[in-house]
Structures are given as C-alpha cells and as structure tokens.
Amino acid sequence: MNTLQIGNVTIEKTAALAPMASVTDHAYRVGCKRFGAAYLVGEMVSAKGITFGDKKSAALLTVTPEETPMAVQLFGTEPLVIAKAAEAAAKFSPQIIDLNMGCPVPKVAGNGSGAALMRTPQLAEELVRAAVDAVDIPITVKIRKGWDAQSVNAVEFAKRMENAGAAAITVHGRTRAQMYAPKADWDIIRQVKEAVQIPVIGNGDVDSPQAAAAMYEQTGCDLVMIGRGSYGRPWLFLQVAAYLKDGTLLPDPPAEERMACMLRHIRILCDDKGETVGMREARRHAAWYFKGERGAAALRNRCAALTAYAELQRLAEDFLRQQG
C-alpha cells in the first residue's frame, strides 16, 4: 500500500479523518479508526485554554494508543501562546500538531483566528515558526482557499507556511465566505500541490470511494481527508481503501452490523462523558446512522428525544425488527 511521510510519521495513502469541532471526539475517532481511517485529527483546541490550564482543553488533547497516527489541533493568534500550547500538547504524545487556519465559524474567525489568519499571512507564518521552534514533532497547517472570492490566496499562503517550517498543508477547497455550502474547488488543491514540496492533504466533498479516487486523480494530493462524509458512516474509510486498492466497491454493512457499530460508538461516548452528556450528544450521531433508511423521519424524531442508552438500544432493536 502507498504511504506518505509527514516528518517522521508514516501514513497509509487511503483516507484521513478531518477535524470537526464537537464531532471528532475520542468515540468518533475510534469508530473511524476501526474501519481503517489512515490518520486522525482531533477537535480543535484553544491555545489560550491550554496555557490557562483549562480541563476541557486538556481532555480534548488526549491521544490513546489505538488512535495513532493522530494529530491534535490548536487555534490561536499569539505566537508565544501557540508555542506554550504546542509544548503542553506534545506532552499528550500526538504524532503531529496541526494549526487551524481554516475554521470559518464566527466565534473563532471573528477573533482573528481560524480562517481569519488567511488575511494575516505574516502572523500565520509567525505562529508556525513559534510552534516549530517549540516542539520536536511535525507541525502542519489546515487552510482554506482564501477568505472570500476576492482574496483567494491559498497558493501563496501555503508557500509561506512551508517556508516557516510546516511539514504538511491541508487545503479545504472553499473560502471562509462559502462556509460549507457550495461545491468544493478541487483545482485550488491541485495548485497548492504544484506550488509546494511538502505533502498536501485535500479536503472537501469526499463522500464516496469514487470521490476519494477522483480527488487523488484530479489534484495529485498526497492524502484525501474526509469530514462530513463520515457522519454515521465510519465504514466509508474501509470502502475507500478497498476501492483504491483494486476498484472493489464494498457495500454498506448489513443493518445488524450498522446498529452494532452505532451502539458501540455511543457506548464509548457515554463512558467518556457520562450518560447524561453522552446521550445528549448522541442524538445527532444516532440520527446520522439512520439517514436514508425507510421511515428516517420518525427514526430521527426518536433520536432527538434520547436521554438514556437503554432507549437507544430499544430504538436499534425496533429498527432491526422493521427490516424483517
């Protein structure tokens, strides 16, 4: 199987799990890894939060042996704080530290962090240099196409990140202004790949094995990253790997296996966060597992009312009975 190197980290060239705030927690990552996700990136963590000793931030940095290779992701705007946060994050033994320069949400970008750094490339470069100087593990950067249609600067920005010492660049093929709605521009990923010598990871609109293969072919990227396409479908990583290997299109697992996967996912979530919080967060995850099924609207309504793990077990049992 083909591999790529990010610093001293070897990654299978199949598909990686994208970082998604409030989604890609430990339970989610473990589920995707069990189905062959080649590389995991955790939820973004505030650099300031880490340096202030925030317990929630520390919990987000935890890396378990079964999740490797994995990166933790930091966001912030102050080089000194980023350096201290990288040092603190490195103590949790991630293989890579990723700096978020692509998050579009107002509470992040509105403070000059995330995608807003696309508008301040000099500061972004200083952040990368600070992190690189602070730790011995690879520092990578996730960016967008640009801030808006009038300021598409991913190519020049990526060059600056490479010059600052970044070991790899992930490119999401949309501007900040586009958020997640329009079709991702894969051509900008190709342009970045042609402009830098470090590995380039492509992100945006990969929701099938065929799409993953198409991104590799059209962009020349070194690794494909899957985000929303994995919602309720952790087995997509296994399907991508099979298709890339020899063109095999694996079907989705049978209903019994899908329900077992969902229950295992939510069991870990509840074990990690307690049943009250876990089941509240489980509502949308469960709904994603039922997407496209017969009677999906009624199933989603039941998901929205979940308060106990036993209720989810009954829902899975009822669903399987309906399948005949």
C-alpha atoms as a PDB file:
ATOM      1  CA  MET A   1       0.000   0.000   0.000  1.00  0.00           C
ATOM      2  CA  ASN A   2       1.248   3.502  -0.815  1.00  0.00           C
ATOM      3  CA  THR A   3       2.286   5.696   2.080  1.00  0.00           C
ATOM      4  CA  LEU A   4       3.317   9.285   2.687  1.00  0.00           C
ATOM      5  CA  GLN A   5       5.628  10.853   5.218  1.00  0.00           C
ATOM      6  CA  ILE A   6       4.823  13.861   7.375  1.00  0.00           C
ATOM      7  CA  GLY A   7       8.078  14.444   9.147  1.00  0.00           C
ATOM      8  CA  ASN A   8       8.894  11.086  10.709  1.00  0.00           C
ATOM      9  CA  VAL A   9       5.266   9.894  10.631  1.00  0.00           C
ATOM     10  CA  THR A  10       4.261   7.281   8.056  1.00  0.00           C
ATOM     11  CA  ILE A  11       0.626   7.355   6.923  1.00  0.00           C
ATOM     12  CA  GLU A  12      -1.190   4.988   4.589  1.00  0.00           C
ATOM     13  CA  LYS A  13      -2.362   6.778   1.467  1.00  0.00           C
ATOM     14  CA  THR A  14      -6.065   5.945   1.769  1.00  0.00           C
ATOM     15  CA  ALA A  15      -8.241   8.457   3.675  1.00  0.00           C
ATOM     16  CA  ALA A  16      -7.859  10.523   6.833  1.00  0.00           C
ATOM     17  CA  LEU A  17     -10.492  11.800   9.253  1.00  0.00           C
ATOM     18  CA  ALA A  18     -10.855  15.575   9.232  1.00  0.00           C
ATOM     19  CA  PRO A  19     -11.016  17.576  12.453  1.00  0.00           C
ATOM     20  CA  MET A  20     -14.586  18.667  13.184  1.00  0.00           C
ATOM     21  CA  ALA A  21     -15.457  20.674  16.287  1.00  0.00           C
ATOM     22  CA  SER A  22     -17.870  18.897  18.632  1.00  0.00           C
ATOM     23  CA  VAL A  23     -17.861  15.847  16.341  1.00  0.00           C
ATOM     24  CA  THR A  24     -14.488  14.126  16.116  1.00  0.00           C
ATOM     25  CA  ASP A  25     -14.122  13.277  19.786  1.00  0.00           C
ATOM     26  CA  HIS A  26     -12.497  10.092  21.086  1.00  0.00           C
ATOM     27  CA  ALA A  27     -15.568   7.920  20.490  1.00  0.00           C
ATOM     28  CA  TYR A  28     -15.962   9.142  16.912  1.00  0.00           C
ATOM     29  CA  ARG A  29     -12.277   8.767  16.116  1.00  0.00           C
ATOM     30  CA  VAL A  30     -12.095   5.225  17.491  1.00  0.00           C
ATOM     31  CA  GLY A  31     -15.047   4.189  15.348  1.00  0.00           C
ATOM     32  CA  CYS A  32     -13.442   5.558  12.190  1.00  0.00           C
ATOM     33  CA  LYS A  33     -10.063   4.067  13.048  1.00  0.00           C
ATOM     34  CA  ARG A  34     -11.601   0.614  13.457  1.00  0.00           C
ATOM     35  CA  PHE A  35     -12.785   0.898   9.860  1.00  0.00           C
ATOM     36  CA  GLY A  36      -9.378   1.900   8.585  1.00  0.00           C
ATOM     37  CA  ALA A  37      -9.052   5.683   8.821  1.00  0.00           C
ATOM     38  CA  ALA A  38      -5.390   6.168   7.971  1.00  0.00           C
ATOM     39  CA  TYR A  39      -4.852   9.286  10.072  1.00  0.00           C
ATOM     40  CA  LEU A  40      -6.944  11.109  12.652  1.00  0.00           C
ATOM     41  CA  VAL A  41      -7.102  14.770  13.621  1.00  0.00           C
ATOM     42  CA  GLY A  42      -8.836  15.685  16.852  1.00  0.00           C
ATOM     43  CA  GLU A  43     -11.170  18.569  17.622  1.00  0.00           C
ATOM     44  CA  MET A  44      -9.562  22.000  17.614  1.00  0.00           C
ATOM     45  CA  VAL A  45      -8.365  23.237  20.987  1.00  0.00           C
ATOM     46  CA  SER A  46      -7.832  26.798  22.154  1.00  0.00           C
ATOM     47  CA  ALA A  47      -4.157  27.588  22.659  1.00  0.00           C
ATOM     48  CA  LYS A  48      -5.095  30.048  25.381  1.00  0.00           C
ATOM     49  CA  GLY A  49      -7.287  27.463  27.062  1.00  0.00           C
ATOM     50  CA  ILE A  50      -4.388  25.038  27.304  1.00  0.00           C
ATOM     51  CA  THR A  51      -1.980  27.611  28.692  1.00  0.00           C
ATOM     52  CA  PHE A  52      -4.573  28.637  31.296  1.00  0.00           C
ATOM     53  CA  GLY A  53      -4.886  25.015  32.418  1.00  0.00           C
ATOM     54  CA  ASP A  54      -8.463  24.533  31.194  1.00  0.00           C
ATOM     55  CA  LYS A  55      -9.541  20.961  31.973  1.00  0.00           C
ATOM     56  CA  LYS A  56     -11.828  20.736  28.949  1.00  0.00           C
ATOM     57  CA  SER A  57      -8.978  21.696  26.647  1.00  0.00           C
ATOM     58  CA  ALA A  58      -6.739  19.080  28.233  1.00  0.00           C
ATOM     59  CA  ALA A  59      -9.396  16.402  27.743  1.00  0.00           C
ATOM     60  CA  LEU A  60      -9.550  17.226  24.027  1.00  0.00           C
ATOM     61  CA  LEU A  61      -5.819  16.584  23.696  1.00  0.00           C
ATOM     62  CA  THR A  62      -5.857  13.016  24.974  1.00  0.00           C
ATOM     63  CA  VAL A  63      -4.479  10.508  22.468  1.00  0.00           C
ATOM     64  CA  THR A  64      -4.998   6.782  23.061  1.00  0.00           C
ATOM     65  CA  PRO A  65      -2.751   4.052  21.557  1.00  0.00           C
ATOM     66  CA  GLU A  66      -5.485   2.796  19.240  1.00  0.00           C
ATOM     67  CA  GLU A  67      -5.854   6.223  17.606  1.00  0.00           C
ATOM     68  CA  THR A  68      -2.370   6.578  16.168  1.00  0.00           C
ATOM     69  CA  PRO A  69      -1.216   8.121  13.917  1.00  0.00           C
ATOM     70  CA  MET A  70      -3.092  11.144  15.212  1.00  0.00           C
ATOM     71  CA  ALA A  71      -2.726  14.918  15.336  1.00  0.00           C
ATOM     72  CA  VAL A  72      -4.131  17.319  17.872  1.00  0.00           C
ATOM     73  CA  GLN A  73      -5.234  20.675  16.502  1.00  0.00           C
ATOM     74  CA  LEU A  74      -4.642  24.093  18.045  1.00  0.00           C
ATOM     75  CA  PHE A  75      -6.021  27.516  17.220  1.00  0.00           C
ATOM     76  CA  GLY A  76      -4.890  30.933  18.365  1.00  0.00           C
ATOM     77  CA  THR A  77      -3.361  34.226  17.300  1.00  0.00           C
ATOM     78  CA  GLU A  78      -0.357  34.812  19.577  1.00  0.00           C
ATOM     79  CA  PRO A  79       2.979  33.174  18.715  1.00  0.00           C
ATOM     80  CA  LEU A  80       4.158  32.928  22.317  1.00  0.00           C
ATOM     81  CA  VAL A  81       0.868  31.344  23.390  1.00  0.00           C
ATOM     82  CA  ILE A  82       0.934  28.945  20.443  1.00  0.00           C
ATOM     83  CA  ALA A  83       4.456  27.906  21.400  1.00  0.00           C
ATOM     84  CA  LYS A  84       3.459  27.221  25.003  1.00  0.00           C
ATOM     85  CA  ALA A  85       0.322  25.397  23.869  1.00  0.00           C
ATOM     86  CA  ALA A  86       2.353  23.230  21.494  1.00  0.00           C
ATOM     87  CA  GLU A  87       4.679  22.296  24.344  1.00  0.00           C
ATOM     88  CA  ALA A  88       1.710  21.389  26.516  1.00  0.00           C
ATOM     89  CA  ALA A  89       0.017  19.450  23.707  1.00  0.00           C
ATOM     90  CA  ALA A  90       3.181  17.497  22.958  1.00  0.00           C
ATOM     91  CA  LYS A  91       3.029  16.005  26.463  1.00  0.00           C
ATOM     92  CA  PHE A  92      -0.082  14.067  25.362  1.00  0.00           C
ATOM     93  CA  SER A  93       2.088  12.264  22.766  1.00  0.00           C
ATOM     94  CA  PRO A  94       0.328  13.112  19.489  1.00  0.00           C
ATOM     95  CA  GLN A  95       2.321  12.221  16.382  1.00  0.00           C
ATOM     96  CA  ILE A  96       1.599  15.641  14.828  1.00  0.00           C
ATOM     97  CA  ILE A  97       0.333  19.060  15.913  1.00  0.00           C
ATOM     98  CA  ASP A  98      -1.922  20.813  13.406  1.00  0.00           C
ATOM     99  CA  LEU A  99      -2.598  24.555  13.437  1.00  0.00           C
ATOM    100  CA  ASN A 100      -6.117  25.543  12.413  1.00  0.00           C
ATOM    101  CA  MET A 101      -6.180  28.371   9.881  1.00  0.00           C
ATOM    102  CA  GLY A 102      -9.388  27.294   8.205  1.00  0.00           C
ATOM    103  CA  CYS A 103     -12.233  27.294  10.731  1.00  0.00           C
ATOM    104  CA  PRO A 104     -14.947  29.636   9.392  1.00  0.00           C
ATOM    105  CA  VAL A 105     -17.254  29.928  12.409  1.00  0.00           C
ATOM    106  CA  PRO A 106     -17.688  33.475  13.778  1.00  0.00           C
ATOM    107  CA  LYS A 107     -16.619  32.714  17.339  1.00  0.00           C
ATOM    108  CA  VAL A 108     -13.210  31.589  16.015  1.00  0.00           C
ATOM    109  CA  ALA A 109     -12.653  33.601  12.839  1.00  0.00           C
ATOM    110  CA  GLY A 110     -14.253  36.643  14.434  1.00  0.00           C
ATOM    111  CA  ASN A 111     -11.381  36.784  16.901  1.00  0.00           C
ATOM    112  CA  GLY A 112      -8.711  36.740  14.215  1.00  0.00           C
ATOM    113  CA  SER A 113      -8.060  33.015  14.496  1.00  0.00           C
ATOM    114  CA  GLY A 114      -9.027  30.096  12.236  1.00  0.00           C
ATOM    115  CA  ALA A 115      -9.770  31.194   8.675  1.00  0.00           C
ATOM    116  CA  ALA A 116      -9.181  34.848   9.587  1.00  0.00           C
ATOM    117  CA  LEU A 117      -5.460  34.080   9.550  1.00  0.00           C
ATOM    118  CA  MET A 118      -5.741  33.757   5.763  1.00  0.00           C
ATOM    119  CA  ARG A 119      -5.981  37.555   5.852  1.00  0.00           C
ATOM    120  CA  THR A 120      -2.858  37.938   8.025  1.00  0.00           C
ATOM    121  CA  PRO A 121      -0.257  35.664   6.421  1.00  0.00           C
ATOM    122  CA  GLN A 122       2.660  37.307   8.229  1.00  0.00           C
ATOM    123  CA  LEU A 123       1.084  36.494  11.600  1.00  0.00           C
ATOM    124  CA  ALA A 124       0.239  32.973  10.388  1.00  0.00           C
ATOM    125  CA  GLU A 125       3.878  32.472   9.450  1.00  0.00           C
ATOM    126  CA  GLU A 126       4.983  33.642  12.889  1.00  0.00           C
ATOM    127  CA  LEU A 127       2.605  31.175  14.526  1.00  0.00           C
ATOM    128  CA  VAL A 128       4.033  28.276  12.539  1.00  0.00           C
ATOM    129  CA  ARG A 129       7.623  29.275  13.299  1.00  0.00           C
ATOM    130  CA  ALA A 130       6.797  29.557  17.007  1.00  0.00           C
ATOM    131  CA  ALA A 131       5.266  26.073  17.096  1.00  0.00           C
ATOM    132  CA  VAL A 132       8.071  24.524  15.036  1.00  0.00           C
ATOM    133  CA  ASP A 133      10.687  26.008  17.359  1.00  0.00           C
ATOM    134  CA  ALA A 134       8.814  24.842  20.466  1.00  0.00           C
ATOM    135  CA  VAL A 135       8.477  21.102  19.801  1.00  0.00           C
ATOM    136  CA  ASP A 136      10.237  18.254  18.032  1.00  0.00           C
ATOM    137  CA  ILE A 137       7.164  16.727  16.375  1.00  0.00           C
ATOM    138  CA  PRO A 138       5.853  17.808  12.938  1.00  0.00           C
ATOM    139  CA  ILE A 139       3.737  20.964  12.719  1.00  0.00           C
ATOM    140  CA  THR A 140       1.100  21.026   9.988  1.00  0.00           C
ATOM    141  CA  VAL A 141      -1.414  23.663   8.918  1.00  0.00           C
ATOM    142  CA  LYS A 142      -5.000  23.453   7.711  1.00  0.00           C
ATOM    143  CA  ILE A 143      -6.109  26.295   5.441  1.00  0.00           C
ATOM    144  CA  ARG A 144      -8.939  27.302   3.128  1.00  0.00           C
ATOM    145  CA  LYS A 145      -8.991  28.555  -0.441  1.00  0.00           C
ATOM    146  CA  GLY A 146      -8.973  32.094   0.941  1.00  0.00           C
ATOM    147  CA  TRP A 147     -11.129  34.465   2.923  1.00  0.00           C
ATOM    148  CA  ASP A 148     -13.581  35.230   0.106  1.00  0.00           C
ATOM    149  CA  ALA A 149     -13.781  35.250  -3.698  1.00  0.00           C
ATOM    150  CA  GLN A 150     -11.815  38.499  -3.837  1.00  0.00           C
ATOM    151  CA  SER A 151      -8.932  37.179  -1.736  1.00  0.00           C
ATOM    152  CA  VAL A 152      -8.124  33.666  -2.922  1.00  0.00           C
ATOM    153  CA  ASN A 153      -4.568  33.252  -1.661  1.00  0.00           C
ATOM    154  CA  ALA A 154      -4.150  29.572  -0.774  1.00  0.00           C
ATOM    155  CA  VAL A 155      -1.137  29.057  -3.056  1.00  0.00           C
ATOM    156  CA  GLU A 156       0.930  31.969  -1.751  1.00  0.00           C
ATOM    157  CA  PHE A 157      -0.222  31.289   1.798  1.00  0.00           C
ATOM    158  CA  ALA A 158       0.842  27.643   1.565  1.00  0.00           C
ATOM    159  CA  LYS A 159       4.280  28.660   0.310  1.00  0.00           C
ATOM    160  CA  ARG A 160       4.700  30.891   3.340  1.00  0.00           C
ATOM    161  CA  MET A 161       3.661  28.095   5.680  1.00  0.00           C
ATOM    162  CA  GLU A 162       6.186  25.780   4.035  1.00  0.00           C
ATOM    163  CA  ASN A 163       8.922  28.404   4.408  1.00  0.00           C
ATOM    164  CA  ALA A 164       8.005  28.774   8.086  1.00  0.00           C
ATOM    165  CA  GLY A 165       8.627  25.071   8.655  1.00  0.00           C
ATOM    166  CA  ALA A 166       5.234  23.408   8.228  1.00  0.00           C
ATOM    167  CA  ALA A 167       5.604  19.686   7.495  1.00  0.00           C
ATOM    168  CA  ALA A 168       2.336  19.416   5.535  1.00  0.00           C
ATOM    169  CA  ILE A 169      -0.633  21.520   4.417  1.00  0.00           C
ATOM    170  CA  THR A 170      -4.300  20.536   4.368  1.00  0.00           C
ATOM    171  CA  VAL A 171      -6.408  22.525   1.896  1.00  0.00           C
ATOM    172  CA  HIS A 172     -10.185  22.811   2.209  1.00  0.00           C
ATOM    173  CA  GLY A 173     -11.413  23.836  -1.213  1.00  0.00           C
ATOM    174  CA  ARG A 174     -13.755  26.621  -0.120  1.00  0.00           C
ATOM    175  CA  THR A 175     -13.307  30.191   1.039  1.00  0.00           C
ATOM    176  CA  ARG A 176     -14.333  31.272   4.501  1.00  0.00           C
ATOM    177  CA  ALA A 177     -17.262  33.180   2.986  1.00  0.00           C
ATOM    178  CA  GLN A 178     -18.528  29.972   1.370  1.00  0.00           C
ATOM    179  CA  MET A 179     -18.556  28.078   4.685  1.00  0.00           C
ATOM    180  CA  TYR A 180     -19.628  24.538   3.679  1.00  0.00           C
ATOM    181  CA  ALA A 181     -22.434  25.019   1.162  1.00  0.00           C
ATOM    182  CA  PRO A 182     -21.102  25.303  -2.424  1.00  0.00           C
ATOM    183  CA  LYS A 183     -19.153  22.604  -4.217  1.00  0.00           C
ATOM    184  CA  ALA A 184     -15.540  22.492  -3.100  1.00  0.00           C
ATOM    185  CA  ASP A 185     -12.919  23.733  -5.563  1.00  0.00           C
ATOM    186  CA  TRP A 186     -10.506  20.858  -6.028  1.00  0.00           C
ATOM    187  CA  ASP A 187      -8.438  22.833  -8.528  1.00  0.00           C
ATOM    188  CA  ILE A 188      -7.081  25.034  -5.732  1.00  0.00           C
ATOM    189  CA  ILE A 189      -5.834  21.862  -4.027  1.00  0.00           C
ATOM    190  CA  ARG A 190      -4.009  20.942  -7.248  1.00  0.00           C
ATOM    191  CA  GLN A 191      -2.499  24.416  -7.466  1.00  0.00           C
ATOM    192  CA  VAL A 192      -1.189  24.222  -3.911  1.00  0.00           C
ATOM    193  CA  LYS A 193       0.214  20.740  -4.541  1.00  0.00           C
ATOM    194  CA  GLU A 194       2.108  22.026  -7.574  1.00  0.00           C
ATOM    195  CA  ALA A 195       3.469  25.001  -5.641  1.00  0.00           C
ATOM    196  CA  VAL A 196       4.997  23.346  -2.553  1.00  0.00           C
ATOM    197  CA  GLN A 197       7.350  20.463  -1.832  1.00  0.00           C
ATOM    198  CA  ILE A 198       5.741  19.281   1.409  1.00  0.00           C
ATOM    199  CA  PRO A 199       2.758  16.874   1.449  1.00  0.00           C
ATOM    200  CA  VAL A 200      -0.646  18.335   0.611  1.00  0.00           C
ATOM    201  CA  ILE A 201      -3.855  16.858   2.018  1.00  0.00           C
ATOM    202  CA  GLY A 202      -7.070  17.514   0.101  1.00  0.00           C
ATOM    203  CA  ASN A 203     -10.360  18.175   1.896  1.00  0.00           C
ATOM    204  CA  GLY A 204     -13.879  18.899   0.682  1.00  0.00           C
ATOM    205  CA  ASP A 205     -16.796  16.890  -0.743  1.00  0.00           C
ATOM    206  CA  VAL A 206     -15.275  13.416  -0.405  1.00  0.00           C
ATOM    207  CA  ASP A 207     -18.310  11.304   0.464  1.00  0.00           C
ATOM    208  CA  SER A 208     -17.736   8.101  -1.522  1.00  0.00           C
ATOM    209  CA  PRO A 209     -14.901   5.813  -2.646  1.00  0.00           C
ATOM    210  CA  GLN A 210     -15.254   7.189  -6.167  1.00  0.00           C
ATOM    211  CA  ALA A 211     -14.942  10.764  -4.914  1.00  0.00           C
ATOM    212  CA  ALA A 212     -11.782   9.881  -2.998  1.00  0.00           C
ATOM    213  CA  ALA A 213     -10.215   8.346  -6.100  1.00  0.00           C
ATOM    214  CA  ALA A 214     -11.282  11.356  -8.170  1.00  0.00           C
ATOM    215  CA  MET A 215      -9.679  13.785  -5.717  1.00  0.00           C
ATOM    216  CA  TYR A 216      -6.392  11.904  -5.875  1.00  0.00           C
ATOM    217  CA  GLU A 217      -6.508  11.888  -9.669  1.00  0.00           C
ATOM    218  CA  GLN A 218      -7.639  15.477 -10.195  1.00  0.00           C
ATOM    219  CA  THR A 219      -5.449  17.168  -7.574  1.00  0.00           C
ATOM    220  CA  GLY A 220      -2.369  14.964  -7.206  1.00  0.00           C
ATOM    221  CA  CYS A 221      -2.746  15.396  -3.448  1.00  0.00           C
ATOM    222  CA  ASP A 222      -0.796  13.172  -1.090  1.00  0.00           C
ATOM    223  CA  LEU A 223      -3.757  12.217   1.090  1.00  0.00           C
ATOM    224  CA  VAL A 224      -7.523  12.594   0.968  1.00  0.00           C
ATOM    225  CA  MET A 225      -9.332  13.818   4.081  1.00  0.00           C
ATOM    226  CA  ILE A 226     -12.972  13.012   4.830  1.00  0.00           C
ATOM    227  CA  GLY A 227     -15.153  15.134   7.093  1.00  0.00           C
ATOM    228  CA  ARG A 228     -18.942  15.270   6.879  1.00  0.00           C
ATOM    229  CA  GLY A 229     -18.986  12.295   4.516  1.00  0.00           C
ATOM    230  CA  SER A 230     -18.190  10.091   7.513  1.00  0.00           C
ATOM    231  CA  TYR A 231     -21.278  11.146   9.507  1.00  0.00           C
ATOM    232  CA  GLY A 232     -22.952   7.901  10.546  1.00  0.00           C
ATOM    233  CA  ARG A 233     -20.740   6.023   8.068  1.00  0.00           C
ATOM    234  CA  PRO A 234     -17.396   5.157   9.662  1.00  0.00           C
ATOM    235  CA  TRP A 235     -17.150   2.207   7.272  1.00  0.00           C
ATOM    236  CA  LEU A 236     -16.568   4.707   4.431  1.00  0.00           C
ATOM    237  CA  PHE A 237     -12.838   4.546   5.209  1.00  0.00           C
ATOM    238  CA  LEU A 238     -12.811   0.794   4.618  1.00  0.00           C
ATOM    239  CA  GLN A 239     -14.734   1.277   1.370  1.00  0.00           C
ATOM    240  CA  VAL A 240     -12.269   3.923   0.180  1.00  0.00           C
ATOM    241  CA  ALA A 241      -9.281   1.695   0.925  1.00  0.00           C
ATOM    242  CA  ALA A 242     -10.802  -1.235  -0.981  1.00  0.00           C
ATOM    243  CA  TYR A 243     -11.700   0.900  -3.982  1.00  0.00           C
ATOM    244  CA  LEU A 244      -8.267   2.491  -4.175  1.00  0.00           C
ATOM    245  CA  LYS A 245      -6.598  -0.908  -3.947  1.00  0.00           C
ATOM    246  CA  ASP A 246      -8.352  -2.701  -6.801  1.00  0.00           C
ATOM    247  CA  GLY A 247     -11.606  -0.930  -7.691  1.00  0.00           C
ATOM    248  CA  THR A 248     -13.751  -3.035  -5.375  1.00  0.00           C
ATOM    249  CA  LEU A 249     -16.961  -1.289  -4.295  1.00  0.00           C
ATOM    250  CA  LEU A 250     -17.833  -2.705  -0.896  1.00  0.00           C
ATOM    251  CA  PRO A 251     -21.496  -2.419   0.092  1.00  0.00           C
ATOM    252  CA  ASP A 252     -22.516  -0.805   3.358  1.00  0.00           C
ATOM    253  CA  PRO A 253     -22.548  -3.308   6.223  1.00  0.00           C
ATOM    254  CA  PRO A 254     -25.868  -5.085   6.863  1.00  0.00           C
ATOM    255  CA  ALA A 255     -28.328  -3.469   9.256  1.00  0.00           C
ATOM    256  CA  GLU A 256     -27.246  -5.602  12.216  1.00  0.00           C
ATOM    257  CA  GLU A 257     -23.631  -4.506  11.849  1.00  0.00           C
ATOM    258  CA  ARG A 258     -24.582  -0.853  11.381  1.00  0.00           C
ATOM    259  CA  MET A 259     -26.624  -0.894  14.570  1.00  0.00           C
ATOM    260  CA  ALA A 260     -23.840  -2.666  16.464  1.00  0.00           C
ATOM    261  CA  CYS A 261     -21.432  -0.007  15.237  1.00  0.00           C
ATOM    262  CA  MET A 262     -23.759   2.777  16.367  1.00  0.00           C
ATOM    263  CA  LEU A 263     -24.276   1.228  19.799  1.00  0.00           C
ATOM    264  CA  ARG A 264     -20.544   0.702  20.275  1.00  0.00           C
ATOM    265  CA  HIS A 265     -19.892   4.321  19.273  1.00  0.00           C
ATOM    266  CA  ILE A 266     -22.443   5.716  21.718  1.00  0.00           C
ATOM    267  CA  ARG A 267     -21.363   3.339  24.490  1.00  0.00           C
ATOM    268  CA  ILE A 268     -17.837   4.767  24.295  1.00  0.00           C
ATOM    269  CA  LEU A 269     -19.272   8.291  24.176  1.00  0.00           C
ATOM    270  CA  CYS A 270     -21.260   7.670  27.360  1.00  0.00           C
ATOM    271  CA  ASP A 271     -18.303   6.022  29.065  1.00  0.00           C
ATOM    272  CA  ASP A 272     -16.141   9.036  28.237  1.00  0.00           C
ATOM    273  CA  LYS A 273     -18.578  11.811  29.139  1.00  0.00           C
ATOM    274  CA  GLY A 274     -21.207  10.251  31.354  1.00  0.00           C
ATOM    275  CA  GLU A 275     -24.635   9.105  30.187  1.00  0.00           C
ATOM    276  CA  THR A 276     -26.400  12.449  30.574  1.00  0.00           C
ATOM    277  CA  VAL A 277     -23.959  14.411  28.431  1.00  0.00           C
ATOM    278  CA  GLY A 278     -23.180  11.446  26.217  1.00  0.00           C
ATOM    279  CA  MET A 279     -26.796  10.809  25.265  1.00  0.00           C
ATOM    280  CA  ARG A 280     -27.417  14.465  24.603  1.00  0.00           C
ATOM    281  CA  GLU A 281     -24.517  14.458  22.159  1.00  0.00           C
ATOM    282  CA  ALA A 282     -25.572  11.048  20.824  1.00  0.00           C
ATOM    283  CA  ARG A 283     -28.828  12.382  19.404  1.00  0.00           C
ATOM    284  CA  ARG A 284     -27.331  13.766  16.213  1.00  0.00           C
ATOM    285  CA  HIS A 285     -24.885  10.895  15.834  1.00  0.00           C
ATOM    286  CA  ALA A 286     -27.721   8.374  16.034  1.00  0.00           C
ATOM    287  CA  ALA A 287     -29.738  10.378  13.511  1.00  0.00           C
ATOM    288  CA  TRP A 288     -26.801  10.243  11.097  1.00  0.00           C
ATOM    289  CA  TYR A 289     -26.701   6.441  11.338  1.00  0.00           C
ATOM    290  CA  PHE A 290     -30.354   6.305  10.270  1.00  0.00           C
ATOM    291  CA  LYS A 291     -30.023   8.733   7.352  1.00  0.00           C
ATOM    292  CA  GLY A 292     -31.535   7.310   4.185  1.00  0.00           C
ATOM    293  CA  GLU A 293     -33.322   4.455   5.909  1.00  0.00           C
ATOM    294  CA  ARG A 294     -37.010   3.709   5.412  1.00  0.00           C
ATOM    295  CA  GLY A 295     -39.007   5.782   7.899  1.00  0.00           C
ATOM    296  CA  ALA A 296     -35.993   8.006   8.569  1.00  0.00           C
ATOM    297  CA  ALA A 297     -38.092  10.976   9.720  1.00  0.00           C
ATOM    298  CA  ALA A 298     -39.721   9.001  12.523  1.00  0.00           C
ATOM    299  CA  LEU A 299     -36.381   7.478  13.478  1.00  0.00           C
ATOM    300  CA  ARG A 300     -34.791  10.927  13.687  1.00  0.00           C
ATOM    301  CA  ASN A 301     -37.638  12.130  15.881  1.00  0.00           C
ATOM    302  CA  ARG A 302     -36.918   9.326  18.317  1.00  0.00           C
ATOM    303  CA  CYS A 303     -33.213  10.140  18.187  1.00  0.00           C
ATOM    304  CA  ALA A 304     -33.939  13.751  19.121  1.00  0.00           C
ATOM    305  CA  ALA A 305     -35.640  12.606  22.333  1.00  0.00           C
ATOM    306  CA  LEU A 306     -32.965  10.186  23.541  1.00  0.00           C
ATOM    307  CA  THR A 307     -31.940  10.566  27.190  1.00  0.00           C
ATOM    308  CA  ALA A 308     -30.678   7.089  28.121  1.00  0.00           C
ATOM    309  CA  TYR A 309     -28.517   4.462  26.458  1.00  0.00           C
ATOM    310  CA  ALA A 310     -31.236   1.847  27.003  1.00  0.00           C
ATOM    311  CA  GLU A 311     -33.559   3.952  24.834  1.00  0.00           C
ATOM    312  CA  LEU A 312     -31.038   3.810  22.010  1.00  0.00           C
ATOM    313  CA  GLN A 313     -30.797   0.051  22.398  1.00  0.00           C
ATOM    314  CA  ARG A 314     -34.590  -0.229  22.077  1.00  0.00           C
ATOM    315  CA  LEU A 315     -34.539   2.039  19.046  1.00  0.00           C
ATOM    316  CA  ALA A 316     -31.942  -0.189  17.364  1.00  0.00           C
ATOM    317  CA  GLU A 317     -33.972  -3.292  18.194  1.00  0.00           C
ATOM    318  CA  ASP A 318     -37.154  -1.727  16.800  1.00  0.00           C
ATOM    319  CA  PHE A 319     -35.336  -0.694  13.630  1.00  0.00           C
ATOM    320  CA  LEU A 320     -33.985  -4.198  13.074  1.00  0.00           C
ATOM    321  CA  ARG A 321     -37.419  -5.717  13.557  1.00  0.00           C
ATOM    322  CA  GLN A 322     -38.797  -3.367  10.925  1.00  0.00           C
ATOM    323  CA  GLN A 323     -36.155  -4.606   8.496  1.00  0.00           C
ATOM    324  CA  GLY A 324     -37.802  -8.027   8.632  1.00  0.00           C
END
